[in-house]
Amino acid sequence: MPDTLSRTPDVDRDLALDHGLTDDEYDEILDRLGRTPSFVELGVYSVMWSEHCSYKNSIALLQTLPTEGEHLLAEVGEE
């Protein structure tokens, strides 16, 4: 296998930001791991902490919606 295919980029704050993480989230990763994450670890964190998986930005809005009433299509937890 050519050497260029087996190398992964060095992980730094700029790469974390490119992956959609915030400065605070990158700092949290550093604190949790006690070291700089590998490229694969950075990818896993960026996916798991994405809006799609964690609702990190929309959770505040979702919490304002009604949880009971005649117009609900599904009960909380059933969706």
PDB file of N, CA and C in Angstrom:
ATOM      1  N   MET A   1       0.846  -1.163   0.000  1.00  0.00           N
ATOM      2  CA  MET A   1       0.000   0.000   0.000  1.00  0.00           C
ATOM      3  C   MET A   1       0.897   1.233   0.000  1.00  0.00           C
ATOM      4  N   PRO A   2       0.604   2.214  -0.829  1.00  0.00           N
ATOM      5  CA  PRO A   2       1.416   3.427  -0.836  1.00  0.00           C
ATOM      6  C   PRO A   2       1.355   4.134   0.512  1.00  0.00           C
ATOM      7  N   ASP A   3       2.452   4.740   0.889  1.00  0.00           N
ATOM      8  CA  ASP A   3       2.551   5.413   2.185  1.00  0.00           C
ATOM      9  C   ASP A   3       1.494   6.501   2.350  1.00  0.00           C
ATOM     10  N   THR A   4       1.114   7.178   1.295  1.00  0.00           N
ATOM     11  CA  THR A   4       0.149   8.273   1.407  1.00  0.00           C
ATOM     12  C   THR A   4      -1.237   7.789   1.807  1.00  0.00           C
ATOM     13  N   LEU A   5      -1.566   6.551   1.552  1.00  0.00           N
ATOM     14  CA  LEU A   5      -2.874   6.029   1.925  1.00  0.00           C
ATOM     15  C   LEU A   5      -2.939   5.606   3.379  1.00  0.00           C
ATOM     16  N   SER A   6      -1.818   5.316   3.986  1.00  0.00           N
ATOM     17  CA  SER A   6      -1.829   4.816   5.357  1.00  0.00           C
ATOM     18  C   SER A   6      -1.662   5.926   6.392  1.00  0.00           C
ATOM     19  N   ARG A   7      -1.377   7.142   5.970  1.00  0.00           N
ATOM     20  CA  ARG A   7      -1.199   8.235   6.918  1.00  0.00           C
ATOM     21  C   ARG A   7      -2.521   8.934   7.188  1.00  0.00           C
ATOM     22  N   THR A   8      -2.692   9.389   8.398  1.00  0.00           N
ATOM     23  CA  THR A   8      -3.857  10.195   8.742  1.00  0.00           C
ATOM     24  C   THR A   8      -3.373  11.580   9.143  1.00  0.00           C
ATOM     25  N   PRO A   9      -4.230  12.580   9.006  1.00  0.00           N
ATOM     26  CA  PRO A   9      -3.812  13.942   9.344  1.00  0.00           C
ATOM     27  C   PRO A   9      -3.543  14.096  10.840  1.00  0.00           C
ATOM     28  N   ASP A  10      -2.657  15.022  11.168  1.00  0.00           N
ATOM     29  CA  ASP A  10      -2.457  15.377  12.570  1.00  0.00           C
ATOM     30  C   ASP A  10      -3.702  16.103  13.052  1.00  0.00           C
ATOM     31  N   VAL A  11      -4.160  15.741  14.233  1.00  0.00           N
ATOM     32  CA  VAL A  11      -5.371  16.348  14.783  1.00  0.00           C
ATOM     33  C   VAL A  11      -4.987  17.595  15.561  1.00  0.00           C
ATOM     34  N   ASP A  12      -5.701  18.673  15.282  1.00  0.00           N
ATOM     35  CA  ASP A  12      -5.536  19.908  16.033  1.00  0.00           C
ATOM     36  C   ASP A  12      -6.886  20.624  16.073  1.00  0.00           C
ATOM     37  N   ARG A  13      -6.916  21.764  16.711  1.00  0.00           N
ATOM     38  CA  ARG A  13      -8.160  22.518  16.878  1.00  0.00           C
ATOM     39  C   ARG A  13      -8.790  22.876  15.525  1.00  0.00           C
ATOM     40  N   ASP A  14      -7.972  23.280  14.568  1.00  0.00           N
ATOM     41  CA  ASP A  14      -8.511  23.645  13.253  1.00  0.00           C
ATOM     42  C   ASP A  14      -9.210  22.463  12.585  1.00  0.00           C
ATOM     43  N   LEU A  15      -8.633  21.282  12.697  1.00  0.00           N
ATOM     44  CA  LEU A  15      -9.263  20.096  12.119  1.00  0.00           C
ATOM     45  C   LEU A  15     -10.568  19.783  12.844  1.00  0.00           C
ATOM     46  N   ALA A  16     -10.584  19.960  14.161  1.00  0.00           N
ATOM     47  CA  ALA A  16     -11.815  19.744  14.927  1.00  0.00           C
ATOM     48  C   ALA A  16     -12.907  20.707  14.467  1.00  0.00           C
ATOM     49  N   LEU A  17     -12.546  21.953  14.253  1.00  0.00           N
ATOM     50  CA  LEU A  17     -13.519  22.931  13.764  1.00  0.00           C
ATOM     51  C   LEU A  17     -14.006  22.559  12.367  1.00  0.00           C
ATOM     52  N   ASP A  18     -13.107  22.059  11.532  1.00  0.00           N
ATOM     53  CA  ASP A  18     -13.496  21.592  10.196  1.00  0.00           C
ATOM     54  C   ASP A  18     -14.477  20.425  10.272  1.00  0.00           C
ATOM     55  N   HIS A  19     -14.404  19.659  11.355  1.00  0.00           N
ATOM     56  CA  HIS A  19     -15.315  18.522  11.563  1.00  0.00           C
ATOM     57  C   HIS A  19     -16.635  18.954  12.203  1.00  0.00           C
ATOM     58  N   GLY A  20     -16.822  20.255  12.425  1.00  0.00           N
ATOM     59  CA  GLY A  20     -18.080  20.753  12.969  1.00  0.00           C
ATOM     60  C   GLY A  20     -18.128  20.858  14.477  1.00  0.00           C
ATOM     61  N   LEU A  21     -17.011  20.595  15.146  1.00  0.00           N
ATOM     62  CA  LEU A  21     -16.967  20.732  16.598  1.00  0.00           C
ATOM     63  C   LEU A  21     -16.689  22.184  16.968  1.00  0.00           C
ATOM     64  N   THR A  22     -17.123  22.590  18.150  1.00  0.00           N
ATOM     65  CA  THR A  22     -16.827  23.931  18.641  1.00  0.00           C
ATOM     66  C   THR A  22     -15.524  23.893  19.434  1.00  0.00           C
ATOM     67  N   ASP A  23     -15.004  25.069  19.755  1.00  0.00           N
ATOM     68  CA  ASP A  23     -13.807  25.139  20.599  1.00  0.00           C
ATOM     69  C   ASP A  23     -14.060  24.457  21.941  1.00  0.00           C
ATOM     70  N   ASP A  24     -15.225  24.715  22.534  1.00  0.00           N
ATOM     71  CA  ASP A  24     -15.554  24.106  23.828  1.00  0.00           C
ATOM     72  C   ASP A  24     -15.645  22.585  23.726  1.00  0.00           C
ATOM     73  N   GLU A  25     -16.220  22.088  22.646  1.00  0.00           N
ATOM     74  CA  GLU A  25     -16.319  20.638  22.468  1.00  0.00           C
ATOM     75  C   GLU A  25     -14.942  20.012  22.302  1.00  0.00           C
ATOM     76  N   TYR A  26     -14.065  20.668  21.561  1.00  0.00           N
ATOM     77  CA  TYR A  26     -12.705  20.141  21.403  1.00  0.00           C
ATOM     78  C   TYR A  26     -11.985  20.133  22.747  1.00  0.00           C
ATOM     79  N   ASP A  27     -12.161  21.190  23.533  1.00  0.00           N
ATOM     80  CA  ASP A  27     -11.563  21.225  24.872  1.00  0.00           C
ATOM     81  C   ASP A  27     -12.103  20.090  25.744  1.00  0.00           C
ATOM     82  N   GLU A  28     -13.392  19.808  25.620  1.00  0.00           N
ATOM     83  CA  GLU A  28     -14.002  18.709  26.381  1.00  0.00           C
ATOM     84  C   GLU A  28     -13.395  17.362  25.983  1.00  0.00           C
ATOM     85  N   ILE A  29     -13.164  17.161  24.703  1.00  0.00           N
ATOM     86  CA  ILE A  29     -12.529  15.922  24.234  1.00  0.00           C
ATOM     87  C   ILE A  29     -11.134  15.793  24.824  1.00  0.00           C
ATOM     88  N   LEU A  30     -10.363  16.878  24.780  1.00  0.00           N
ATOM     89  CA  LEU A  30      -9.014  16.857  25.353  1.00  0.00           C
ATOM     90  C   LEU A  30      -9.064  16.524  26.838  1.00  0.00           C
ATOM     91  N   ASP A  31     -10.023  17.115  27.561  1.00  0.00           N
ATOM     92  CA  ASP A  31     -10.161  16.838  28.999  1.00  0.00           C
ATOM     93  C   ASP A  31     -10.548  15.385  29.255  1.00  0.00           C
ATOM     94  N   ARG A  32     -11.501  14.878  28.497  1.00  0.00           N
ATOM     95  CA  ARG A  32     -11.966  13.501  28.707  1.00  0.00           C
ATOM     96  C   ARG A  32     -10.878  12.471  28.409  1.00  0.00           C
ATOM     97  N   LEU A  33     -10.147  12.690  27.319  1.00  0.00           N
ATOM     98  CA  LEU A  33      -9.124  11.720  26.926  1.00  0.00           C
ATOM     99  C   LEU A  33      -7.797  11.937  27.640  1.00  0.00           C
ATOM    100  N   GLY A  34      -7.545  13.173  28.056  1.00  0.00           N
ATOM    101  CA  GLY A  34      -6.258  13.490  28.663  1.00  0.00           C
ATOM    102  C   GLY A  34      -5.136  13.545  27.637  1.00  0.00           C
ATOM    103  N   ARG A  35      -5.512  13.678  26.382  1.00  0.00           N
ATOM    104  CA  ARG A  35      -4.544  13.716  25.276  1.00  0.00           C
ATOM    105  C   ARG A  35      -5.274  14.187  24.026  1.00  0.00           C
ATOM    106  N   THR A  36      -4.502  14.411  22.977  1.00  0.00           N
ATOM    107  CA  THR A  36      -5.084  14.755  21.685  1.00  0.00           C
ATOM    108  C   THR A  36      -5.726  13.502  21.082  1.00  0.00           C
ATOM    109  N   PRO A  37      -6.947  13.620  20.580  1.00  0.00           N
ATOM    110  CA  PRO A  37      -7.589  12.442  19.993  1.00  0.00           C
ATOM    111  C   PRO A  37      -6.920  12.036  18.684  1.00  0.00           C
ATOM    112  N   SER A  38      -7.064  10.777  18.347  1.00  0.00           N
ATOM    113  CA  SER A  38      -6.616  10.322  17.025  1.00  0.00           C
ATOM    114  C   SER A  38      -7.600  10.851  15.981  1.00  0.00           C
ATOM    115  N   PHE A  39      -7.238  10.718  14.733  1.00  0.00           N
ATOM    116  CA  PHE A  39      -8.110  11.153  13.644  1.00  0.00           C
ATOM    117  C   PHE A  39      -9.446  10.404  13.692  1.00  0.00           C
ATOM    118  N   VAL A  40      -9.396   9.114  13.945  1.00  0.00           N
ATOM    119  CA  VAL A  40     -10.620   8.307  14.023  1.00  0.00           C
ATOM    120  C   VAL A  40     -11.464   8.734  15.219  1.00  0.00           C
ATOM    121  N   GLU A  41     -10.834   8.937  16.373  1.00  0.00           N
ATOM    122  CA  GLU A  41     -11.572   9.380  17.559  1.00  0.00           C
ATOM    123  C   GLU A  41     -12.245  10.726  17.313  1.00  0.00           C
ATOM    124  N   LEU A  42     -11.534  11.638  16.669  1.00  0.00           N
ATOM    125  CA  LEU A  42     -12.117  12.941  16.352  1.00  0.00           C
ATOM    126  C   LEU A  42     -13.354  12.766  15.475  1.00  0.00           C
ATOM    127  N   GLY A  43     -13.266  11.874  14.500  1.00  0.00           N
ATOM    128  CA  GLY A  43     -14.412  11.606  13.639  1.00  0.00           C
ATOM    129  C   GLY A  43     -15.596  11.050  14.402  1.00  0.00           C
ATOM    130  N   VAL A  44     -15.334  10.147  15.335  1.00  0.00           N
ATOM    131  CA  VAL A  44     -16.414   9.558  16.133  1.00  0.00           C
ATOM    132  C   VAL A  44     -17.075  10.630  16.994  1.00  0.00           C
ATOM    133  N   TYR A  45     -16.274  11.436  17.680  1.00  0.00           N
ATOM    134  CA  TYR A  45     -16.844  12.515  18.487  1.00  0.00           C
ATOM    135  C   TYR A  45     -17.653  13.476  17.621  1.00  0.00           C
ATOM    136  N   SER A  46     -17.137  13.846  16.472  1.00  0.00           N
ATOM    137  CA  SER A  46     -17.843  14.821  15.642  1.00  0.00           C
ATOM    138  C   SER A  46     -19.182  14.274  15.155  1.00  0.00           C
ATOM    139  N   VAL A  47     -19.252  12.983  14.890  1.00  0.00           N
ATOM    140  CA  VAL A  47     -20.520  12.383  14.471  1.00  0.00           C
ATOM    141  C   VAL A  47     -21.476  12.270  15.650  1.00  0.00           C
ATOM    142  N   MET A  48     -20.993  11.760  16.772  1.00  0.00           N
ATOM    143  CA  MET A  48     -21.871  11.550  17.926  1.00  0.00           C
ATOM    144  C   MET A  48     -22.359  12.861  18.536  1.00  0.00           C
ATOM    145  N   TRP A  49     -21.561  13.905  18.425  1.00  0.00           N
ATOM    146  CA  TRP A  49     -21.966  15.200  18.975  1.00  0.00           C
ATOM    147  C   TRP A  49     -22.568  16.106  17.916  1.00  0.00           C
ATOM    148  N   SER A  50     -22.879  15.575  16.756  1.00  0.00           N
ATOM    149  CA  SER A  50     -23.489  16.376  15.695  1.00  0.00           C
ATOM    150  C   SER A  50     -24.947  16.650  16.041  1.00  0.00           C
ATOM    151  N   GLU A  51     -25.513  17.631  15.397  1.00  0.00           N
ATOM    152  CA  GLU A  51     -26.927  17.949  15.595  1.00  0.00           C
ATOM    153  C   GLU A  51     -27.794  16.737  15.265  1.00  0.00           C
ATOM    154  N   HIS A  52     -27.453  16.012  14.233  1.00  0.00           N
ATOM    155  CA  HIS A  52     -28.257  14.866  13.811  1.00  0.00           C
ATOM    156  C   HIS A  52     -28.372  13.819  14.919  1.00  0.00           C
ATOM    157  N   CYS A  53     -27.287  13.574  15.638  1.00  0.00           N
ATOM    158  CA  CYS A  53     -27.299  12.530  16.664  1.00  0.00           C
ATOM    159  C   CYS A  53     -27.672  13.044  18.051  1.00  0.00           C
ATOM    160  N   SER A  54     -27.290  14.271  18.374  1.00  0.00           N
ATOM    161  CA  SER A  54     -27.446  14.713  19.762  1.00  0.00           C
ATOM    162  C   SER A  54     -28.460  15.827  19.961  1.00  0.00           C
ATOM    163  N   TYR A  55     -28.975  16.410  18.910  1.00  0.00           N
ATOM    164  CA  TYR A  55     -29.905  17.534  19.010  1.00  0.00           C
ATOM    165  C   TYR A  55     -29.333  18.666  19.862  1.00  0.00           C
ATOM    166  N   LYS A  56     -28.016  18.891  19.775  1.00  0.00           N
ATOM    167  CA  LYS A  56     -27.364  19.850  20.659  1.00  0.00           C
ATOM    168  C   LYS A  56     -27.869  21.273  20.479  1.00  0.00           C
ATOM    169  N   ASN A  57     -28.336  21.640  19.313  1.00  0.00           N
ATOM    170  CA  ASN A  57     -28.834  22.993  19.096  1.00  0.00           C
ATOM    171  C   ASN A  57     -30.351  23.096  19.188  1.00  0.00           C
ATOM    172  N   SER A  58     -31.061  22.052  18.847  1.00  0.00           N
ATOM    173  CA  SER A  58     -32.517  22.122  18.812  1.00  0.00           C
ATOM    174  C   SER A  58     -33.192  21.662  20.098  1.00  0.00           C
ATOM    175  N   ILE A  59     -32.442  21.104  21.039  1.00  0.00           N
ATOM    176  CA  ILE A  59     -33.063  20.573  22.259  1.00  0.00           C
ATOM    177  C   ILE A  59     -33.814  21.648  23.034  1.00  0.00           C
ATOM    178  N   ALA A  60     -33.277  22.868  23.073  1.00  0.00           N
ATOM    179  CA  ALA A  60     -33.959  23.950  23.797  1.00  0.00           C
ATOM    180  C   ALA A  60     -35.314  24.246  23.162  1.00  0.00           C
ATOM    181  N   LEU A  61     -35.385  24.257  21.848  1.00  0.00           N
ATOM    182  CA  LEU A  61     -36.653  24.479  21.161  1.00  0.00           C
ATOM    183  C   LEU A  61     -37.595  23.298  21.355  1.00  0.00           C
ATOM    184  N   LEU A  62     -37.089  22.093  21.243  1.00  0.00           N
ATOM    185  CA  LEU A  62     -37.928  20.903  21.408  1.00  0.00           C
ATOM    186  C   LEU A  62     -38.569  20.849  22.789  1.00  0.00           C
ATOM    187  N   GLN A  63     -37.864  21.341  23.789  1.00  0.00           N
ATOM    188  CA  GLN A  63     -38.396  21.314  25.154  1.00  0.00           C
ATOM    189  C   GLN A  63     -39.545  22.295  25.358  1.00  0.00           C
ATOM    190  N   THR A  64     -39.744  23.228  24.427  1.00  0.00           N
ATOM    191  CA  THR A  64     -40.853  24.176  24.547  1.00  0.00           C
ATOM    192  C   THR A  64     -42.141  23.638  23.927  1.00  0.00           C
ATOM    193  N   LEU A  65     -42.057  22.544  23.200  1.00  0.00           N
ATOM    194  CA  LEU A  65     -43.234  21.989  22.541  1.00  0.00           C
ATOM    195  C   LEU A  65     -44.103  21.226  23.538  1.00  0.00           C
ATOM    196  N   PRO A  66     -45.414  21.182  23.280  1.00  0.00           N
ATOM    197  CA  PRO A  66     -46.298  20.459  24.200  1.00  0.00           C
ATOM    198  C   PRO A  66     -45.994  18.961  24.225  1.00  0.00           C
ATOM    199  N   THR A  67     -46.202  18.365  25.383  1.00  0.00           N
ATOM    200  CA  THR A  67     -45.962  16.928  25.537  1.00  0.00           C
ATOM    201  C   THR A  67     -47.256  16.141  25.706  1.00  0.00           C
ATOM    202  N   GLU A  68     -48.379  16.859  25.738  1.00  0.00           N
ATOM    203  CA  GLU A  68     -49.670  16.187  25.821  1.00  0.00           C
ATOM    204  C   GLU A  68     -50.729  17.069  25.168  1.00  0.00           C
ATOM    205  N   GLY A  69     -51.813  16.464  24.768  1.00  0.00           N
ATOM    206  CA  GLY A  69     -52.907  17.200  24.143  1.00  0.00           C
ATOM    207  C   GLY A  69     -53.453  16.457  22.943  1.00  0.00           C
ATOM    208  N   GLU A  70     -54.599  16.934  22.469  1.00  0.00           N
ATOM    209  CA  GLU A  70     -55.301  16.235  21.391  1.00  0.00           C
ATOM    210  C   GLU A  70     -54.616  16.342  20.030  1.00  0.00           C
ATOM    211  N   HIS A  71     -53.715  17.294  19.854  1.00  0.00           N
ATOM    212  CA  HIS A  71     -53.076  17.489  18.549  1.00  0.00           C
ATOM    213  C   HIS A  71     -51.753  16.743  18.396  1.00  0.00           C
ATOM    214  N   LEU A  72     -51.333  16.023  19.416  1.00  0.00           N
ATOM    215  CA  LEU A  72     -50.088  15.257  19.313  1.00  0.00           C
ATOM    216  C   LEU A  72     -50.305  14.014  18.457  1.00  0.00           C
ATOM    217  N   LEU A  73     -49.342  13.727  17.632  1.00  0.00           N
ATOM    218  CA  LEU A  73     -49.418  12.524  16.795  1.00  0.00           C
ATOM    219  C   LEU A  73     -48.912  11.295  17.528  1.00  0.00           C
ATOM    220  N   ALA A  74     -48.009  11.503  18.490  1.00  0.00           N
ATOM    221  CA  ALA A  74     -47.450  10.393  19.269  1.00  0.00           C
ATOM    222  C   ALA A  74     -47.133  10.897  20.667  1.00  0.00           C
ATOM    223  N   GLU A  75     -47.257  10.037  21.636  1.00  0.00           N
ATOM    224  CA  GLU A  75     -46.889  10.387  23.004  1.00  0.00           C
ATOM    225  C   GLU A  75     -45.372  10.509  23.110  1.00  0.00           C
ATOM    226  N   VAL A  76     -44.928  11.238  24.111  1.00  0.00           N
ATOM    227  CA  VAL A  76     -43.497  11.393  24.339  1.00  0.00           C
ATOM    228  C   VAL A  76     -42.871  10.018  24.533  1.00  0.00           C
ATOM    229  N   GLY A  77     -41.795   9.751  23.831  1.00  0.00           N
ATOM    230  CA  GLY A  77     -41.107   8.472  23.923  1.00  0.00           C
ATOM    231  C   GLY A  77     -41.573   7.440  22.912  1.00  0.00           C
ATOM    232  N   GLU A  78     -42.703   7.673  22.273  1.00  0.00           N
ATOM    233  CA  GLU A  78     -43.221   6.730  21.280  1.00  0.00           C
ATOM    234  C   GLU A  78     -42.693   6.988  19.879  1.00  0.00           C
ATOM    235  N   GLU A  79     -42.138   8.157  19.670  1.00  0.00           N
ATOM    236  CA  GLU A  79     -41.682   8.485  18.322  1.00  0.00           C
ATOM    237  C   GLU A  79     -40.428   7.731  18.035  1.00  0.00           C
TER     238      GLU A  79
END
